[in-house]
Amino acid sequence: MTTGSKKQAAERIFDLLRTERELTRQDIAARLALSMPTTLQNVTGLLEAGILEESGAARSNGGRKARKLRLRADAGWVLGIDAAGCSRSRSRIPPGGTGHCTKPWLVL
């Protein structure tokens, strides 16, 4: 897997959790058609970067309960610089929203 596709997978996970609020790792892998190793690697990176947090256990029909993931509510600041227009802006991106941006950028 190339670095570009790793970043793309992390961005897809971020976008999915922005709209779905809470999902398990298994749900993320299934909805994005990602392998579990790819999903686990990217989720771990997003957790370590402080972008995601575990939010409790999902329902279980036996066995170990899957952990739900969500975006951290306090991890929503985006700084954008418009080099052509020489302007700067900063906005708060609430979970599930886009704030003043049409598409928040994710840099890992």
N, C-alpha and C. Protein backbone atom coordinates (compact mmCIF):
# COMPACT_ATOMS: atom_id res chain seq x y z
N MET A 1 0.85 -1.17 0.00
CA MET A 1 0.00 0.00 0.00
C MET A 1 0.89 1.23 0.00
N THR A 2 0.58 2.20 -0.81
CA THR A 2 1.39 3.41 -0.90
C THR A 2 0.97 4.41 0.16
N THR A 3 1.84 5.38 0.39
CA THR A 3 1.54 6.41 1.38
C THR A 3 0.27 7.17 1.01
N GLY A 4 0.09 7.46 -0.29
CA GLY A 4 -1.10 8.17 -0.74
C GLY A 4 -2.37 7.42 -0.42
N SER A 5 -2.38 6.10 -0.63
CA SER A 5 -3.58 5.34 -0.36
C SER A 5 -3.83 5.19 1.14
N LYS A 6 -2.76 5.20 1.95
CA LYS A 6 -2.93 5.17 3.41
C LYS A 6 -3.61 6.45 3.87
N LYS A 7 -3.15 7.58 3.35
CA LYS A 7 -3.76 8.85 3.71
C LYS A 7 -5.21 8.89 3.23
N GLN A 8 -5.45 8.36 2.05
CA GLN A 8 -6.81 8.34 1.52
C GLN A 8 -7.71 7.50 2.42
N ALA A 9 -7.24 6.37 2.90
CA ALA A 9 -8.05 5.53 3.79
C ALA A 9 -8.35 6.27 5.08
N ALA A 10 -7.37 6.97 5.66
CA ALA A 10 -7.59 7.73 6.89
C ALA A 10 -8.62 8.84 6.65
N GLU A 11 -8.53 9.51 5.52
CA GLU A 11 -9.50 10.56 5.20
C GLU A 11 -10.90 9.99 5.02
N ARG A 12 -11.00 8.81 4.41
CA ARG A 12 -12.31 8.17 4.23
C ARG A 12 -12.91 7.77 5.58
N ILE A 13 -12.07 7.28 6.49
CA ILE A 13 -12.54 6.92 7.84
C ILE A 13 -13.01 8.19 8.56
N PHE A 14 -12.22 9.25 8.47
CA PHE A 14 -12.59 10.53 9.08
C PHE A 14 -13.93 11.01 8.54
N ASP A 15 -14.09 11.02 7.22
CA ASP A 15 -15.35 11.48 6.60
C ASP A 15 -16.53 10.62 7.02
N LEU A 16 -16.33 9.30 7.09
CA LEU A 16 -17.41 8.40 7.49
C LEU A 16 -17.85 8.69 8.92
N LEU A 17 -16.89 8.86 9.83
CA LEU A 17 -17.25 9.13 11.22
C LEU A 17 -17.82 10.53 11.40
N ARG A 18 -17.52 11.44 10.51
CA ARG A 18 -18.13 12.76 10.56
C ARG A 18 -19.63 12.67 10.31
N THR A 19 -20.04 11.76 9.45
CA THR A 19 -21.46 11.63 9.12
C THR A 19 -22.17 10.58 9.98
N GLU A 20 -21.50 9.53 10.36
CA GLU A 20 -22.15 8.42 11.09
C GLU A 20 -22.03 8.54 12.61
N ARG A 21 -21.23 9.44 13.09
CA ARG A 21 -21.03 9.70 14.53
C ARG A 21 -20.27 8.61 15.27
N GLU A 22 -20.79 7.39 15.35
CA GLU A 22 -20.13 6.30 16.08
C GLU A 22 -20.23 5.01 15.27
N LEU A 23 -19.09 4.34 15.14
CA LEU A 23 -19.05 3.05 14.46
C LEU A 23 -17.95 2.20 15.10
N THR A 24 -18.07 0.90 14.93
CA THR A 24 -17.00 -0.01 15.36
C THR A 24 -15.98 -0.13 14.23
N ARG A 25 -14.83 -0.67 14.56
CA ARG A 25 -13.81 -0.90 13.54
C ARG A 25 -14.35 -1.82 12.44
N GLN A 26 -15.13 -2.82 12.85
CA GLN A 26 -15.70 -3.76 11.88
C GLN A 26 -16.68 -3.04 10.95
N ASP A 27 -17.50 -2.16 11.50
CA ASP A 27 -18.44 -1.38 10.69
C ASP A 27 -17.70 -0.51 9.68
N ILE A 28 -16.63 0.14 10.13
CA ILE A 28 -15.84 1.00 9.25
C ILE A 28 -15.28 0.19 8.09
N ALA A 29 -14.68 -0.96 8.41
CA ALA A 29 -14.10 -1.80 7.36
C ALA A 29 -15.16 -2.24 6.36
N ALA A 30 -16.32 -2.64 6.84
CA ALA A 30 -17.38 -3.11 5.95
C ALA A 30 -17.94 -1.98 5.09
N ARG A 31 -18.20 -0.84 5.68
CA ARG A 31 -18.80 0.27 4.92
C ARG A 31 -17.87 0.88 3.90
N LEU A 32 -16.56 0.85 4.18
CA LEU A 32 -15.59 1.43 3.25
C LEU A 32 -14.91 0.39 2.38
N ALA A 33 -15.28 -0.88 2.55
CA ALA A 33 -14.67 -1.99 1.80
C ALA A 33 -13.15 -1.98 1.97
N LEU A 34 -12.71 -1.82 3.22
CA LEU A 34 -11.29 -1.86 3.55
C LEU A 34 -10.99 -3.18 4.25
N SER A 35 -9.76 -3.65 4.14
CA SER A 35 -9.37 -4.83 4.89
C SER A 35 -9.27 -4.46 6.36
N MET A 36 -9.38 -5.45 7.23
CA MET A 36 -9.25 -5.17 8.66
C MET A 36 -7.86 -4.65 9.01
N PRO A 37 -6.77 -5.22 8.44
CA PRO A 37 -5.46 -4.65 8.76
C PRO A 37 -5.34 -3.16 8.37
N THR A 38 -5.86 -2.80 7.21
CA THR A 38 -5.82 -1.40 6.77
C THR A 38 -6.65 -0.54 7.71
N THR A 39 -7.84 -1.03 8.06
CA THR A 39 -8.71 -0.29 8.98
C THR A 39 -8.04 -0.12 10.33
N LEU A 40 -7.51 -1.19 10.89
CA LEU A 40 -6.88 -1.13 12.21
C LEU A 40 -5.68 -0.19 12.22
N GLN A 41 -4.86 -0.25 11.18
CA GLN A 41 -3.68 0.62 11.10
C GLN A 41 -4.09 2.09 11.05
N ASN A 42 -5.09 2.41 10.24
CA ASN A 42 -5.52 3.80 10.11
C ASN A 42 -6.26 4.29 11.35
N VAL A 43 -7.09 3.45 11.94
CA VAL A 43 -7.79 3.83 13.17
C VAL A 43 -6.78 4.07 14.29
N THR A 44 -5.76 3.22 14.39
CA THR A 44 -4.72 3.40 15.40
C THR A 44 -4.01 4.75 15.20
N GLY A 45 -3.70 5.08 13.95
CA GLY A 45 -3.07 6.37 13.67
C GLY A 45 -3.95 7.54 14.05
N LEU A 46 -5.24 7.44 13.76
CA LEU A 46 -6.18 8.52 14.11
C LEU A 46 -6.38 8.63 15.62
N LEU A 47 -6.36 7.49 16.32
CA LEU A 47 -6.45 7.50 17.79
C LEU A 47 -5.20 8.15 18.38
N GLU A 48 -4.02 7.76 17.89
CA GLU A 48 -2.76 8.31 18.40
C GLU A 48 -2.62 9.80 18.10
N ALA A 49 -3.20 10.25 16.98
CA ALA A 49 -3.15 11.67 16.62
C ALA A 49 -4.17 12.49 17.42
N GLY A 50 -5.02 11.81 18.20
CA GLY A 50 -6.01 12.50 19.01
C GLY A 50 -7.23 12.95 18.23
N ILE A 51 -7.44 12.38 17.05
CA ILE A 51 -8.59 12.74 16.22
C ILE A 51 -9.81 11.90 16.58
N LEU A 52 -9.58 10.63 16.91
CA LEU A 52 -10.66 9.72 17.31
C LEU A 52 -10.53 9.37 18.78
N GLU A 53 -11.63 8.88 19.35
CA GLU A 53 -11.62 8.34 20.70
C GLU A 53 -12.59 7.16 20.75
N GLU A 54 -12.33 6.24 21.67
CA GLU A 54 -13.28 5.16 21.89
C GLU A 54 -14.42 5.70 22.73
N SER A 55 -15.64 5.27 22.39
CA SER A 55 -16.81 5.86 23.04
C SER A 55 -17.70 4.83 23.72
N GLY A 56 -17.18 3.66 23.98
CA GLY A 56 -17.97 2.65 24.68
C GLY A 56 -18.05 1.36 23.89
N ALA A 57 -18.77 0.42 24.45
CA ALA A 57 -18.89 -0.90 23.83
C ALA A 57 -20.18 -0.99 23.01
N ALA A 58 -20.09 -1.68 21.89
CA ALA A 58 -21.26 -1.94 21.06
C ALA A 58 -21.99 -3.15 21.62
N ARG A 59 -23.22 -3.34 21.18
CA ARG A 59 -23.98 -4.53 21.59
C ARG A 59 -23.27 -5.78 21.11
N SER A 60 -23.42 -6.85 21.86
CA SER A 60 -22.77 -8.10 21.51
C SER A 60 -23.73 -9.26 21.69
N ASN A 61 -23.60 -10.22 20.79
CA ASN A 61 -24.38 -11.46 20.91
C ASN A 61 -23.53 -12.57 21.50
N GLY A 62 -22.50 -12.20 22.21
CA GLY A 62 -21.57 -13.15 22.79
C GLY A 62 -20.16 -12.78 22.38
N GLY A 63 -19.20 -13.24 23.15
CA GLY A 63 -17.82 -12.91 22.84
C GLY A 63 -17.48 -11.50 23.29
N ARG A 64 -16.32 -11.05 22.84
CA ARG A 64 -15.85 -9.72 23.22
C ARG A 64 -16.68 -8.64 22.53
N LYS A 65 -17.07 -7.64 23.29
CA LYS A 65 -17.84 -6.54 22.72
C LYS A 65 -16.92 -5.63 21.92
N ALA A 66 -17.37 -5.27 20.72
CA ALA A 66 -16.61 -4.34 19.90
C ALA A 66 -16.68 -2.95 20.51
N ARG A 67 -15.61 -2.18 20.37
CA ARG A 67 -15.57 -0.81 20.88
C ARG A 67 -16.02 0.15 19.79
N LYS A 68 -16.85 1.11 20.17
CA LYS A 68 -17.29 2.14 19.23
C LYS A 68 -16.25 3.25 19.17
N LEU A 69 -16.15 3.88 18.01
CA LEU A 69 -15.24 4.99 17.80
C LEU A 69 -16.02 6.21 17.37
N ARG A 70 -15.51 7.38 17.71
CA ARG A 70 -16.11 8.63 17.27
C ARG A 70 -15.00 9.68 17.17
N LEU A 71 -15.33 10.79 16.50
CA LEU A 71 -14.41 11.91 16.45
C LEU A 71 -14.36 12.58 17.82
N ARG A 72 -13.19 13.01 18.22
CA ARG A 72 -13.08 13.74 19.49
C ARG A 72 -13.70 15.11 19.31
N ALA A 73 -14.56 15.49 20.23
CA ALA A 73 -15.25 16.77 20.15
C ALA A 73 -14.29 17.95 20.24
N ASP A 74 -13.18 17.78 20.95
CA ASP A 74 -12.24 18.88 21.11
C ASP A 74 -11.10 18.86 20.09
N ALA A 75 -11.25 18.05 19.05
CA ALA A 75 -10.22 17.95 18.02
C ALA A 75 -10.71 18.53 16.71
N GLY A 76 -11.45 19.63 16.77
CA GLY A 76 -12.08 20.15 15.57
C GLY A 76 -11.58 21.47 15.04
N TRP A 77 -10.34 21.85 15.30
CA TRP A 77 -9.85 23.11 14.77
C TRP A 77 -9.14 22.87 13.45
N VAL A 78 -9.44 23.71 12.49
CA VAL A 78 -8.80 23.65 11.18
C VAL A 78 -8.24 25.02 10.86
N LEU A 79 -7.02 25.06 10.41
CA LEU A 79 -6.41 26.31 9.99
C LEU A 79 -6.22 26.25 8.49
N GLY A 80 -6.80 27.21 7.79
CA GLY A 80 -6.67 27.26 6.34
C GLY A 80 -5.94 28.51 5.92
N ILE A 81 -5.03 28.38 4.98
CA ILE A 81 -4.29 29.52 4.47
C ILE A 81 -4.51 29.60 2.97
N ASP A 82 -5.01 30.72 2.53
CA ASP A 82 -5.24 30.97 1.11
C ASP A 82 -4.04 31.75 0.59
N ALA A 83 -3.07 31.04 0.00
CA ALA A 83 -1.83 31.68 -0.45
C ALA A 83 -2.09 32.67 -1.58
N ALA A 84 -3.04 32.40 -2.43
CA ALA A 84 -3.32 33.29 -3.56
C ALA A 84 -3.96 34.59 -3.08
N GLY A 85 -4.87 34.49 -2.12
CA GLY A 85 -5.57 35.68 -1.63
C GLY A 85 -4.94 36.29 -0.40
N CYS A 86 -3.86 35.67 0.10
CA CYS A 86 -3.14 36.16 1.28
C CYS A 86 -4.07 36.36 2.47
N SER A 87 -5.00 35.44 2.72
CA SER A 87 -5.87 35.54 3.88
C SER A 87 -5.75 34.28 4.73
N ARG A 88 -6.09 34.42 6.01
CA ARG A 88 -6.06 33.29 6.93
C ARG A 88 -7.41 33.16 7.60
N SER A 89 -7.81 31.93 7.90
CA SER A 89 -9.04 31.74 8.65
C SER A 89 -8.91 30.53 9.54
N ARG A 90 -9.68 30.53 10.61
CA ARG A 90 -9.71 29.40 11.52
C ARG A 90 -11.16 29.20 11.92
N SER A 91 -11.63 27.96 11.90
CA SER A 91 -13.01 27.70 12.29
C SER A 91 -13.10 26.41 13.08
N ARG A 92 -14.09 26.33 13.91
CA ARG A 92 -14.36 25.13 14.70
C ARG A 92 -15.23 24.22 13.87
N ILE A 93 -14.84 22.96 13.76
CA ILE A 93 -15.60 21.98 13.01
C ILE A 93 -16.28 21.06 14.03
N PRO A 94 -17.58 21.21 14.25
CA PRO A 94 -18.26 20.34 15.22
C PRO A 94 -18.38 18.92 14.66
N PRO A 95 -18.40 17.90 15.52
CA PRO A 95 -18.59 16.53 15.03
C PRO A 95 -19.85 16.45 14.18
N GLY A 96 -19.72 15.85 13.02
CA GLY A 96 -20.86 15.70 12.13
C GLY A 96 -21.13 16.94 11.31
N GLY A 97 -20.32 17.98 11.43
CA GLY A 97 -20.55 19.21 10.68
C GLY A 97 -19.32 19.62 9.91
N THR A 98 -19.47 20.65 9.13
CA THR A 98 -18.35 21.14 8.36
C THR A 98 -17.97 22.56 8.72
N GLY A 99 -18.64 23.19 9.67
CA GLY A 99 -18.30 24.54 10.06
C GLY A 99 -18.36 25.47 8.87
N HIS A 100 -17.30 26.23 8.66
CA HIS A 100 -17.24 27.16 7.55
C HIS A 100 -16.53 26.56 6.34
N CYS A 101 -16.08 25.33 6.45
CA CYS A 101 -15.34 24.69 5.36
C CYS A 101 -16.27 23.76 4.60
N THR A 102 -16.06 23.62 3.31
CA THR A 102 -16.86 22.68 2.54
C THR A 102 -16.32 21.27 2.71
N LYS A 103 -15.03 21.12 2.92
CA LYS A 103 -14.42 19.81 3.18
C LYS A 103 -13.21 20.01 4.08
N PRO A 104 -13.30 19.57 5.33
CA PRO A 104 -12.15 19.74 6.22
C PRO A 104 -10.97 18.92 5.73
N TRP A 105 -9.78 19.42 5.93
CA TRP A 105 -8.56 18.72 5.53
C TRP A 105 -8.06 17.92 6.71
N LEU A 106 -7.53 16.76 6.42
CA LEU A 106 -6.96 15.91 7.44
C LEU A 106 -5.49 15.71 7.11
N VAL A 107 -4.61 16.08 8.00
CA VAL A 107 -3.18 15.92 7.78
C VAL A 107 -2.64 15.00 8.85
N LEU A 108 -2.07 13.90 8.42
CA LEU A 108 -1.49 12.94 9.38
C LEU A 108 0.00 12.87 9.18
